[in-house]
């Protein structure tokens, strides 16, 4: 199952970039290596080397990160001593991530 995106705002011009913000509802079966989240899923160009993503931390020790090479949203479980990627098929559907992205180009 894919991430479900709900637009919060955008596209809005910020300086020389387009900015969008979405809430990403996570899946009931997380995939190790992350769930696909391409810039084009957010209405931005897949070909902008200056594309950036900001993710808000989640409650309960979950840490979202973005893999720019694979274009995936990854989820980590953090403890006081270590951080490990959430195990494949874990139900994370109770979680959602605020995703703010910037790009020079729109689709």
PDB file of N, CA and C in Angstrom:
ATOM      1  N   UNK A   1       0.854  -1.183   0.000  1.00  0.00           N
ATOM      2  CA  UNK A   1       0.000   0.000   0.000  1.00  0.00           C
ATOM      3  C   UNK A   1       0.893   1.236   0.000  1.00  0.00           C
ATOM      4  N   UNK A   2       0.476   2.249  -0.710  1.00  0.00           N
ATOM      5  CA  UNK A   2       1.265   3.477  -0.849  1.00  0.00           C
ATOM      6  C   UNK A   2       0.887   4.500   0.217  1.00  0.00           C
ATOM      7  N   UNK A   3       1.796   5.418   0.424  1.00  0.00           N
ATOM      8  CA  UNK A   3       1.537   6.560   1.295  1.00  0.00           C
ATOM      9  C   UNK A   3       0.367   7.356   0.713  1.00  0.00           C
ATOM     10  N   UNK A   4      -0.500   7.857   1.584  1.00  0.00           N
ATOM     11  CA  UNK A   4      -1.603   8.718   1.145  1.00  0.00           C
ATOM     12  C   UNK A   4      -1.247  10.155   1.480  1.00  0.00           C
ATOM     13  N   UNK A   5      -1.270  11.029   0.461  1.00  0.00           N
ATOM     14  CA  UNK A   5      -0.900  12.429   0.648  1.00  0.00           C
ATOM     15  C   UNK A   5      -2.127  13.326   0.685  1.00  0.00           C
ATOM     16  N   UNK A   6      -2.147  14.251   1.644  1.00  0.00           N
ATOM     17  CA  UNK A   6      -3.198  15.256   1.744  1.00  0.00           C
ATOM     18  C   UNK A   6      -2.514  16.622   1.749  1.00  0.00           C
ATOM     19  N   UNK A   7      -2.887  17.456   0.783  1.00  0.00           N
ATOM     20  CA  UNK A   7      -2.235  18.761   0.662  1.00  0.00           C
ATOM     21  C   UNK A   7      -2.630  19.669   1.820  1.00  0.00           C
ATOM     22  N   UNK A   8      -1.626  20.319   2.407  1.00  0.00           N
ATOM     23  CA  UNK A   8      -1.840  21.318   3.448  1.00  0.00           C
ATOM     24  C   UNK A   8      -1.830  22.710   2.805  1.00  0.00           C
ATOM     25  N   UNK A   9      -0.824  22.968   1.962  1.00  0.00           N
ATOM     26  CA  UNK A   9      -0.784  24.214   1.185  1.00  0.00           C
ATOM     27  C   UNK A   9       0.184  24.063   0.014  1.00  0.00           C
ATOM     28  N   UNK A  10       0.102  25.009  -0.897  1.00  0.00           N
ATOM     29  CA  UNK A  10       1.038  25.096  -2.005  1.00  0.00           C
ATOM     30  C   UNK A  10       0.426  24.661  -3.320  1.00  0.00           C
ATOM     31  N   UNK A  11       1.155  24.884  -4.358  1.00  0.00           N
ATOM     32  CA  UNK A  11       2.499  25.435  -4.374  1.00  0.00           C
ATOM     33  C   UNK A  11       2.508  26.939  -4.121  1.00  0.00           C
ATOM     34  N   UNK A  12       3.481  27.363  -3.346  1.00  0.00           N
ATOM     35  CA  UNK A  12       3.674  28.755  -2.983  1.00  0.00           C
ATOM     36  C   UNK A  12       5.097  29.150  -3.353  1.00  0.00           C
ATOM     37  N   UNK A  13       5.274  30.358  -3.851  1.00  0.00           N
ATOM     38  CA  UNK A  13       6.616  30.840  -4.175  1.00  0.00           C
ATOM     39  C   UNK A  13       7.290  31.318  -2.896  1.00  0.00           C
ATOM     40  N   UNK A  14       8.489  30.785  -2.647  1.00  0.00           N
ATOM     41  CA  UNK A  14       9.319  31.204  -1.517  1.00  0.00           C
ATOM     42  C   UNK A  14      10.709  31.473  -2.088  1.00  0.00           C
ATOM     43  N   UNK A  15      11.054  32.750  -2.196  1.00  0.00           N
ATOM     44  CA  UNK A  15      12.324  33.108  -2.838  1.00  0.00           C
ATOM     45  C   UNK A  15      12.296  32.693  -4.295  1.00  0.00           C
ATOM     46  N   UNK A  16      13.272  31.880  -4.716  1.00  0.00           N
ATOM     47  CA  UNK A  16      13.316  31.405  -6.095  1.00  0.00           C
ATOM     48  C   UNK A  16      12.852  29.951  -6.210  1.00  0.00           C
ATOM     49  N   UNK A  17      12.089  29.498  -5.238  1.00  0.00           N
ATOM     50  CA  UNK A  17      11.640  28.097  -5.207  1.00  0.00           C
ATOM     51  C   UNK A  17      10.127  28.001  -5.025  1.00  0.00           C
ATOM     52  N   UNK A  18       9.606  26.841  -5.400  1.00  0.00           N
ATOM     53  CA  UNK A  18       8.223  26.486  -5.110  1.00  0.00           C
ATOM     54  C   UNK A  18       8.224  25.672  -3.827  1.00  0.00           C
ATOM     55  N   UNK A  19       7.267  25.934  -2.954  1.00  0.00           N
ATOM     56  CA  UNK A  19       7.145  25.175  -1.709  1.00  0.00           C
ATOM     57  C   UNK A  19       5.761  24.558  -1.633  1.00  0.00           C
ATOM     58  N   UNK A  20       5.731  23.300  -1.208  1.00  0.00           N
ATOM     59  CA  UNK A  20       4.467  22.599  -0.980  1.00  0.00           C
ATOM     60  C   UNK A  20       4.540  21.929   0.382  1.00  0.00           C
ATOM     61  N   UNK A  21       3.385  21.687   0.952  1.00  0.00           N
ATOM     62  CA  UNK A  21       3.320  20.994   2.231  1.00  0.00           C
ATOM     63  C   UNK A  21       2.182  19.984   2.181  1.00  0.00           C
ATOM     64  N   UNK A  22       2.472  18.764   2.594  1.00  0.00           N
ATOM     65  CA  UNK A  22       1.496  17.682   2.623  1.00  0.00           C
ATOM     66  C   UNK A  22       1.573  16.955   3.948  1.00  0.00           C
ATOM     67  N   UNK A  23       0.499  16.298   4.297  1.00  0.00           N
ATOM     68  CA  UNK A  23       0.520  15.314   5.362  1.00  0.00           C
ATOM     69  C   UNK A  23       0.558  13.956   4.682  1.00  0.00           C
ATOM     70  N   UNK A  24       1.531  13.142   5.056  1.00  0.00           N
ATOM     71  CA  UNK A  24       1.685  11.808   4.488  1.00  0.00           C
ATOM     72  C   UNK A  24       1.199  10.785   5.510  1.00  0.00           C
ATOM     73  N   UNK A  25       0.066  10.154   5.209  1.00  0.00           N
ATOM     74  CA  UNK A  25      -0.441   9.076   6.067  1.00  0.00           C
ATOM     75  C   UNK A  25       0.322   7.808   5.712  1.00  0.00           C
ATOM     76  N   UNK A  26       0.947   7.203   6.705  1.00  0.00           N
ATOM     77  CA  UNK A  26       1.781   6.039   6.459  1.00  0.00           C
ATOM     78  C   UNK A  26       0.943   4.774   6.292  1.00  0.00           C
ATOM     79  N   UNK A  27       1.599   3.705   5.900  1.00  0.00           N
ATOM     80  CA  UNK A  27       0.902   2.485   5.493  1.00  0.00           C
ATOM     81  C   UNK A  27       0.731   1.485   6.630  1.00  0.00           C
ATOM     82  N   UNK A  28      -0.096   0.489   6.350  1.00  0.00           N
ATOM     83  CA  UNK A  28      -0.287  -0.571   7.341  1.00  0.00           C
ATOM     84  C   UNK A  28       0.734  -1.699   7.164  1.00  0.00           C
ATOM     85  N   UNK A  29       1.673  -1.518   6.222  1.00  0.00           N
ATOM     86  CA  UNK A  29       2.717  -2.514   6.002  1.00  0.00           C
ATOM     87  C   UNK A  29       3.971  -1.807   5.484  1.00  0.00           C
ATOM     88  N   UNK A  30       4.749  -1.252   6.415  1.00  0.00           N
ATOM     89  CA  UNK A  30       5.962  -0.519   6.058  1.00  0.00           C
ATOM     90  C   UNK A  30       6.909  -1.424   5.273  1.00  0.00           C
ATOM     91  N   UNK A  31       7.593  -0.854   4.299  1.00  0.00           N
ATOM     92  CA  UNK A  31       8.577  -1.585   3.495  1.00  0.00           C
ATOM     93  C   UNK A  31       9.975  -1.202   3.954  1.00  0.00           C
ATOM     94  N   UNK A  32      10.786  -2.190   4.346  1.00  0.00           N
ATOM     95  CA  UNK A  32      12.166  -1.888   4.714  1.00  0.00           C
ATOM     96  C   UNK A  32      12.833  -1.214   3.532  1.00  0.00           C
ATOM     97  N   UNK A  33      13.534  -0.135   3.789  1.00  0.00           N
ATOM     98  CA  UNK A  33      14.135   0.668   2.732  1.00  0.00           C
ATOM     99  C   UNK A  33      13.312   1.901   2.434  1.00  0.00           C
ATOM    100  N   UNK A  34      12.080   1.941   2.954  1.00  0.00           N
ATOM    101  CA  UNK A  34      11.246   3.127   2.823  1.00  0.00           C
ATOM    102  C   UNK A  34      10.116   2.979   1.825  1.00  0.00           C
ATOM    103  N   UNK A  35       9.159   3.879   1.942  1.00  0.00           N
ATOM    104  CA  UNK A  35       8.015   3.934   1.037  1.00  0.00           C
ATOM    105  C   UNK A  35       8.275   5.027   0.003  1.00  0.00           C
ATOM    106  N   UNK A  36       7.930   4.757  -1.241  1.00  0.00           N
ATOM    107  CA  UNK A  36       8.176   5.680  -2.343  1.00  0.00           C
ATOM    108  C   UNK A  36       7.519   7.039  -2.094  1.00  0.00           C
ATOM    109  N   UNK A  37       8.295   8.096  -2.300  1.00  0.00           N
ATOM    110  CA  UNK A  37       7.784   9.465  -2.225  1.00  0.00           C
ATOM    111  C   UNK A  37       8.645  10.325  -3.156  1.00  0.00           C
ATOM    112  N   UNK A  38       8.223  10.381  -4.414  1.00  0.00           N
ATOM    113  CA  UNK A  38       8.960  11.136  -5.426  1.00  0.00           C
ATOM    114  C   UNK A  38       8.533  12.602  -5.408  1.00  0.00           C
ATOM    115  N   UNK A  39       9.418  13.497  -5.836  1.00  0.00           N
ATOM    116  CA  UNK A  39       9.026  14.908  -5.943  1.00  0.00           C
ATOM    117  C   UNK A  39       7.764  15.093  -6.786  1.00  0.00           C
ATOM    118  N   UNK A  40       7.620  14.304  -7.852  1.00  0.00           N
ATOM    119  CA  UNK A  40       6.427  14.427  -8.709  1.00  0.00           C
ATOM    120  C   UNK A  40       5.150  14.052  -7.960  1.00  0.00           C
ATOM    121  N   UNK A  41       5.248  13.220  -6.917  1.00  0.00           N
ATOM    122  CA  UNK A  41       4.082  12.909  -6.083  1.00  0.00           C
ATOM    123  C   UNK A  41       3.587  14.167  -5.365  1.00  0.00           C
ATOM    124  N   UNK A  42       4.496  15.125  -5.188  1.00  0.00           N
ATOM    125  CA  UNK A  42       4.202  16.376  -4.492  1.00  0.00           C
ATOM    126  C   UNK A  42       3.959  17.534  -5.466  1.00  0.00           C
ATOM    127  N   UNK A  43       3.906  17.219  -6.759  1.00  0.00           N
ATOM    128  CA  UNK A  43       3.669  18.247  -7.768  1.00  0.00           C
ATOM    129  C   UNK A  43       4.922  18.996  -8.188  1.00  0.00           C
ATOM    130  N   UNK A  44       6.090  18.465  -7.823  1.00  0.00           N
ATOM    131  CA  UNK A  44       7.360  19.105  -8.142  1.00  0.00           C
ATOM    132  C   UNK A  44       8.136  18.254  -9.139  1.00  0.00           C
ATOM    133  N   UNK A  45       9.188  18.822  -9.703  1.00  0.00           N
ATOM    134  CA  UNK A  45       9.975  18.125 -10.719  1.00  0.00           C
ATOM    135  C   UNK A  45      10.863  17.047 -10.111  1.00  0.00           C
ATOM    136  N   UNK A  46      10.901  15.877 -10.776  1.00  0.00           N
ATOM    137  CA  UNK A  46      11.806  14.803 -10.359  1.00  0.00           C
ATOM    138  C   UNK A  46      13.247  15.084 -10.750  1.00  0.00           C
ATOM    139  N   UNK A  47      13.485  16.139 -11.540  1.00  0.00           N
ATOM    140  CA  UNK A  47      14.810  16.401 -12.093  1.00  0.00           C
ATOM    141  C   UNK A  47      15.503  17.636 -11.523  1.00  0.00           C
ATOM    142  N   UNK A  48      15.136  18.059 -10.336  1.00  0.00           N
ATOM    143  CA  UNK A  48      15.755  19.234  -9.725  1.00  0.00           C
ATOM    144  C   UNK A  48      16.788  18.787  -8.693  1.00  0.00           C
ATOM    145  N   UNK A  49      18.084  18.995  -8.957  1.00  0.00           N
ATOM    146  CA  UNK A  49      19.101  18.573  -7.991  1.00  0.00           C
ATOM    147  C   UNK A  49      19.059  19.362  -6.683  1.00  0.00           C
ATOM    148  N   UNK A  50      18.332  20.489  -6.666  1.00  0.00           N
ATOM    149  CA  UNK A  50      18.234  21.309  -5.454  1.00  0.00           C
ATOM    150  C   UNK A  50      16.959  21.009  -4.664  1.00  0.00           C
ATOM    151  N   UNK A  51      16.241  19.934  -5.010  1.00  0.00           N
ATOM    152  CA  UNK A  51      15.032  19.525  -4.293  1.00  0.00           C
ATOM    153  C   UNK A  51      15.367  19.231  -2.830  1.00  0.00           C
ATOM    154  N   UNK A  52      14.563  19.782  -1.914  1.00  0.00           N
ATOM    155  CA  UNK A  52      14.778  19.525  -0.483  1.00  0.00           C
ATOM    156  C   UNK A  52      13.471  19.136   0.195  1.00  0.00           C
ATOM    157  N   UNK A  53      13.593  18.330   1.234  1.00  0.00           N
ATOM    158  CA  UNK A  53      12.438  17.872   2.010  1.00  0.00           C
ATOM    159  C   UNK A  53      12.716  18.120   3.486  1.00  0.00           C
ATOM    160  N   UNK A  54      11.727  18.639   4.198  1.00  0.00           N
ATOM    161  CA  UNK A  54      11.784  18.768   5.650  1.00  0.00           C
ATOM    162  C   UNK A  54      10.651  17.934   6.217  1.00  0.00           C
ATOM    163  N   UNK A  55      10.971  17.084   7.174  1.00  0.00           N
ATOM    164  CA  UNK A  55       9.980  16.202   7.791  1.00  0.00           C
ATOM    165  C   UNK A  55       9.870  16.532   9.270  1.00  0.00           C
ATOM    166  N   UNK A  56       8.651  16.637   9.763  1.00  0.00           N
ATOM    167  CA  UNK A  56       8.463  16.903  11.191  1.00  0.00           C
ATOM    168  C   UNK A  56       8.592  15.601  11.971  1.00  0.00           C
ATOM    169  N   UNK A  57       9.262  15.638  13.126  1.00  0.00           N
ATOM    170  CA  UNK A  57       9.389  14.438  13.957  1.00  0.00           C
ATOM    171  C   UNK A  57       8.015  13.945  14.419  1.00  0.00           C
ATOM    172  N   UNK A  58       7.943  12.666  14.700  1.00  0.00           N
ATOM    173  CA  UNK A  58       6.703  12.054  15.170  1.00  0.00           C
ATOM    174  C   UNK A  58       6.777  11.797  16.666  1.00  0.00           C
ATOM    175  N   UNK A  59       5.627  11.659  17.277  1.00  0.00           N
ATOM    176  CA  UNK A  59       5.566  11.318  18.699  1.00  0.00           C
ATOM    177  C   UNK A  59       5.949   9.848  18.893  1.00  0.00           C
ATOM    178  N   UNK A  60       6.347   9.511  20.070  1.00  0.00           N
ATOM    179  CA  UNK A  60       6.589   8.113  20.408  1.00  0.00           C
ATOM    180  C   UNK A  60       7.918   7.546  19.953  1.00  0.00           C
ATOM    181  N   UNK A  61       8.897   8.396  19.650  1.00  0.00           N
ATOM    182  CA  UNK A  61      10.218   7.884  19.303  1.00  0.00           C
ATOM    183  C   UNK A  61      10.395   7.488  17.852  1.00  0.00           C
ATOM    184  N   UNK A  62       9.487   7.844  16.991  1.00  0.00           N
ATOM    185  CA  UNK A  62       9.614   7.543  15.558  1.00  0.00           C
ATOM    186  C   UNK A  62      10.316   8.719  14.884  1.00  0.00           C
ATOM    187  N   UNK A  63      11.251   8.417  13.990  1.00  0.00           N
ATOM    188  CA  UNK A  63      11.999   9.452  13.289  1.00  0.00           C
ATOM    189  C   UNK A  63      11.895   9.231  11.782  1.00  0.00           C
ATOM    190  N   UNK A  64      11.230  10.134  11.051  1.00  0.00           N
ATOM    191  CA  UNK A  64      11.178  10.010   9.599  1.00  0.00           C
ATOM    192  C   UNK A  64      12.406  10.661   8.962  1.00  0.00           C
ATOM    193  N   UNK A  65      12.918  10.053   7.902  1.00  0.00           N
ATOM    194  CA  UNK A  65      14.009  10.633   7.122  1.00  0.00           C
ATOM    195  C   UNK A  65      13.672  10.468   5.642  1.00  0.00           C
ATOM    196  N   UNK A  66      14.357  11.234   4.800  1.00  0.00           N
ATOM    197  CA  UNK A  66      14.127  11.134   3.359  1.00  0.00           C
ATOM    198  C   UNK A  66      15.404  10.684   2.674  1.00  0.00           C
ATOM    199  N   UNK A  67      15.309   9.651   1.856  1.00  0.00           N
ATOM    200  CA  UNK A  67      16.431   9.151   1.069  1.00  0.00           C
ATOM    201  C   UNK A  67      16.346   9.807  -0.308  1.00  0.00           C
ATOM    202  N   UNK A  68      17.212  10.799  -0.557  1.00  0.00           N
ATOM    203  CA  UNK A  68      17.174  11.563  -1.805  1.00  0.00           C
ATOM    204  C   UNK A  68      17.554  10.709  -3.019  1.00  0.00           C
ATOM    205  N   UNK A  69      18.430   9.743  -2.845  1.00  0.00           N
ATOM    206  CA  UNK A  69      18.853   8.896  -3.955  1.00  0.00           C
ATOM    207  C   UNK A  69      17.732   7.958  -4.394  1.00  0.00           C
ATOM    208  N   UNK A  70      17.131   7.272  -3.442  1.00  0.00           N
ATOM    209  CA  UNK A  70      16.068   6.304  -3.749  1.00  0.00           C
ATOM    210  C   UNK A  70      14.686   6.952  -3.838  1.00  0.00           C
ATOM    211  N   UNK A  71      14.582   8.226  -3.416  1.00  0.00           N
ATOM    212  CA  UNK A  71      13.314   8.956  -3.384  1.00  0.00           C
ATOM    213  C   UNK A  71      12.269   8.206  -2.551  1.00  0.00           C
ATOM    214  N   UNK A  72      12.667   7.978  -1.283  1.00  0.00           N
ATOM    215  CA  UNK A  72      11.799   7.242  -0.376  1.00  0.00           C
ATOM    216  C   UNK A  72      11.752   7.902   1.004  1.00  0.00           C
ATOM    217  N   UNK A  73      10.596   7.768   1.636  1.00  0.00           N
ATOM    218  CA  UNK A  73      10.395   8.203   3.010  1.00  0.00           C
ATOM    219  C   UNK A  73      10.701   7.007   3.907  1.00  0.00           C
ATOM    220  N   UNK A  74      11.668   7.171   4.791  1.00  0.00           N
ATOM    221  CA  UNK A  74      12.073   6.083   5.676  1.00  0.00           C
ATOM    222  C   UNK A  74      11.645   6.402   7.100  1.00  0.00           C
ATOM    223  N   UNK A  75      11.415   5.375   7.874  1.00  0.00           N
ATOM    224  CA  UNK A  75      10.973   5.537   9.254  1.00  0.00           C
ATOM    225  C   UNK A  75      11.889   4.750  10.171  1.00  0.00           C
ATOM    226  N   UNK A  76      12.343   5.426  11.212  1.00  0.00           N
ATOM    227  CA  UNK A  76      13.278   4.837  12.170  1.00  0.00           C
ATOM    228  C   UNK A  76      12.662   4.829  13.555  1.00  0.00           C
ATOM    229  N   UNK A  77      13.027   3.833  14.327  1.00  0.00           N
ATOM    230  CA  UNK A  77      12.616   3.738  15.715  1.00  0.00           C
ATOM    231  C   UNK A  77      13.828   4.091  16.562  1.00  0.00           C
ATOM    232  N   UNK A  78      13.702   5.136  17.360  1.00  0.00           N
ATOM    233  CA  UNK A  78      14.856   5.620  18.120  1.00  0.00           C
ATOM    234  C   UNK A  78      14.726   5.259  19.591  1.00  0.00           C
ATOM    235  N   UNK A  79      15.831   4.841  20.166  1.00  0.00           N
ATOM    236  CA  UNK A  79      15.916   4.634  21.607  1.00  0.00           C
ATOM    237  C   UNK A  79      17.044   5.515  22.116  1.00  0.00           C
ATOM    238  N   UNK A  80      17.296   5.459  23.403  1.00  0.00           N
ATOM    239  CA  UNK A  80      18.346   6.306  23.962  1.00  0.00           C
ATOM    240  C   UNK A  80      19.731   5.878  23.496  1.00  0.00           C
ATOM    241  N   UNK A  81      19.882   4.630  23.033  1.00  0.00           N
ATOM    242  CA  UNK A  81      21.213   4.153  22.668  1.00  0.00           C
ATOM    243  C   UNK A  81      21.413   3.928  21.171  1.00  0.00           C
ATOM    244  N   UNK A  82      20.325   3.745  20.425  1.00  0.00           N
ATOM    245  CA  UNK A  82      20.498   3.429  19.006  1.00  0.00           C
ATOM    246  C   UNK A  82      19.266   3.817  18.202  1.00  0.00           C
ATOM    247  N   UNK A  83      19.426   3.779  16.901  1.00  0.00           N
ATOM    248  CA  UNK A  83      18.330   4.051  15.995  1.00  0.00           C
ATOM    249  C   UNK A  83      18.327   2.947  14.945  1.00  0.00           C
ATOM    250  N   UNK A  84      17.181   2.309  14.741  1.00  0.00           N
ATOM    251  CA  UNK A  84      17.085   1.236  13.758  1.00  0.00           C
ATOM    252  C   UNK A  84      15.876   1.483  12.873  1.00  0.00           C
ATOM    253  N   UNK A  85      16.013   1.061  11.619  1.00  0.00           N
ATOM    254  CA  UNK A  85      14.902   1.222  10.693  1.00  0.00           C
ATOM    255  C   UNK A  85      13.748   0.314  11.117  1.00  0.00           C
ATOM    256  N   UNK A  86      12.543   0.821  10.945  1.00  0.00           N
ATOM    257  CA  UNK A  86      11.352   0.047  11.266  1.00  0.00           C
ATOM    258  C   UNK A  86      11.369  -1.219  10.413  1.00  0.00           C
ATOM    259  N   UNK A  87      10.999  -2.325  11.001  1.00  0.00           N
ATOM    260  CA  UNK A  87      11.020  -3.632  10.348  1.00  0.00           C
ATOM    261  C   UNK A  87       9.928  -3.724   9.288  1.00  0.00           C
ATOM    262  N   UNK A  88      10.251  -4.401   8.193  1.00  0.00           N
ATOM    263  CA  UNK A  88       9.306  -4.598   7.096  1.00  0.00           C
ATOM    264  C   UNK A  88       8.003  -5.210   7.597  1.00  0.00           C
ATOM    265  N   UNK A  89       6.905  -4.771   7.028  1.00  0.00           N
ATOM    266  CA  UNK A  89       5.513  -5.174   7.302  1.00  0.00           C
ATOM    267  C   UNK A  89       4.958  -4.622   8.618  1.00  0.00           C
ATOM    268  N   UNK A  90       5.716  -3.767   9.320  1.00  0.00           N
ATOM    269  CA  UNK A  90       5.204  -3.146  10.535  1.00  0.00           C
ATOM    270  C   UNK A  90       4.039  -2.225  10.177  1.00  0.00           C
ATOM    271  N   UNK A  91       2.979  -2.287  10.943  1.00  0.00           N
ATOM    272  CA  UNK A  91       1.818  -1.415  10.733  1.00  0.00           C
ATOM    273  C   UNK A  91       2.120  -0.053  11.348  1.00  0.00           C
ATOM    274  N   UNK A  92       2.323   0.949  10.501  1.00  0.00           N
ATOM    275  CA  UNK A  92       2.600   2.315  10.959  1.00  0.00           C
ATOM    276  C   UNK A  92       1.466   3.249  10.529  1.00  0.00           C
ATOM    277  N   UNK A  93       0.303   2.666  10.230  1.00  0.00           N
ATOM    278  CA  UNK A  93      -0.822   3.446   9.702  1.00  0.00           C
ATOM    279  C   UNK A  93      -1.386   4.449  10.707  1.00  0.00           C
ATOM    280  N   UNK A  94      -1.050   4.314  11.975  1.00  0.00           N
ATOM    281  CA  UNK A  94      -1.505   5.288  12.973  1.00  0.00           C
ATOM    282  C   UNK A  94      -0.650   6.553  12.930  1.00  0.00           C
ATOM    283  N   UNK A  95       0.423   6.537  12.143  1.00  0.00           N
ATOM    284  CA  UNK A  95       1.344   7.663  12.058  1.00  0.00           C
ATOM    285  C   UNK A  95       1.124   8.463  10.781  1.00  0.00           C
ATOM    286  N   UNK A  96       1.337   9.757  10.868  1.00  0.00           N
ATOM    287  CA  UNK A  96       1.375  10.603   9.674  1.00  0.00           C
ATOM    288  C   UNK A  96       2.519  11.590   9.847  1.00  0.00           C
ATOM    289  N   UNK A  97       3.091  11.993   8.714  1.00  0.00           N
ATOM    290  CA  UNK A  97       4.274  12.856   8.699  1.00  0.00           C
ATOM    291  C   UNK A  97       3.951  14.131   7.936  1.00  0.00           C
ATOM    292  N   UNK A  98       4.313  15.273   8.485  1.00  0.00           N
ATOM    293  CA  UNK A  98       4.182  16.541   7.768  1.00  0.00           C
ATOM    294  C   UNK A  98       5.413  16.690   6.881  1.00  0.00           C
ATOM    295  N   UNK A  99       5.190  16.785   5.574  1.00  0.00           N
ATOM    296  CA  UNK A  99       6.255  16.860   4.576  1.00  0.00           C
ATOM    297  C   UNK A  99       6.223  18.241   3.927  1.00  0.00           C
ATOM    298  N   UNK A 100       7.305  19.009   4.073  1.00  0.00           N
ATOM    299  CA  UNK A 100       7.440  20.287   3.396  1.00  0.00           C
ATOM    300  C   UNK A 100       8.581  20.136   2.390  1.00  0.00           C
ATOM    301  N   UNK A 101       8.290  20.438   1.126  1.00  0.00           N
ATOM    302  CA  UNK A 101       9.298  20.258   0.084  1.00  0.00           C
ATOM    303  C   UNK A 101       9.462  21.533  -0.724  1.00  0.00           C
ATOM    304  N   UNK A 102      10.690  21.739  -1.197  1.00  0.00           N
ATOM    305  CA  UNK A 102      10.998  22.898  -2.034  1.00  0.00           C
ATOM    306  C   UNK A 102      11.731  22.442  -3.291  1.00  0.00           C
ATOM    307  N   UNK A 103      11.410  23.098  -4.385  1.00  0.00           N
ATOM    308  CA  UNK A 103      12.044  22.787  -5.654  1.00  0.00           C
ATOM    309  C   UNK A 103      12.026  24.032  -6.526  1.00  0.00           C
ATOM    310  N   UNK A 104      12.987  24.095  -7.412  1.00  0.00           N
ATOM    311  CA  UNK A 104      13.028  25.206  -8.339  1.00  0.00           C
ATOM    312  C   UNK A 104      11.999  25.032  -9.444  1.00  0.00           C
ATOM    313  N   UNK A 105      11.579  23.804  -9.665  1.00  0.00           N
ATOM    314  CA  UNK A 105      10.698  23.496 -10.793  1.00  0.00           C
ATOM    315  C   UNK A 105       9.468  22.724 -10.347  1.00  0.00           C
ATOM    316  N   UNK A 106       8.338  23.053 -10.994  1.00  0.00           N
ATOM    317  CA  UNK A 106       7.089  22.310 -10.769  1.00  0.00           C
ATOM    318  C   UNK A 106       6.852  21.384 -11.942  1.00  0.00           C
ATOM    319  N   UNK A 107       5.988  20.417 -11.736  1.00  0.00           N
ATOM    320  CA  UNK A 107       5.546  19.558 -12.846  1.00  0.00           C
ATOM    321  C   UNK A 107       4.557  20.287 -13.693  1.00  0.00           C
TER     322      UNK A 107
END
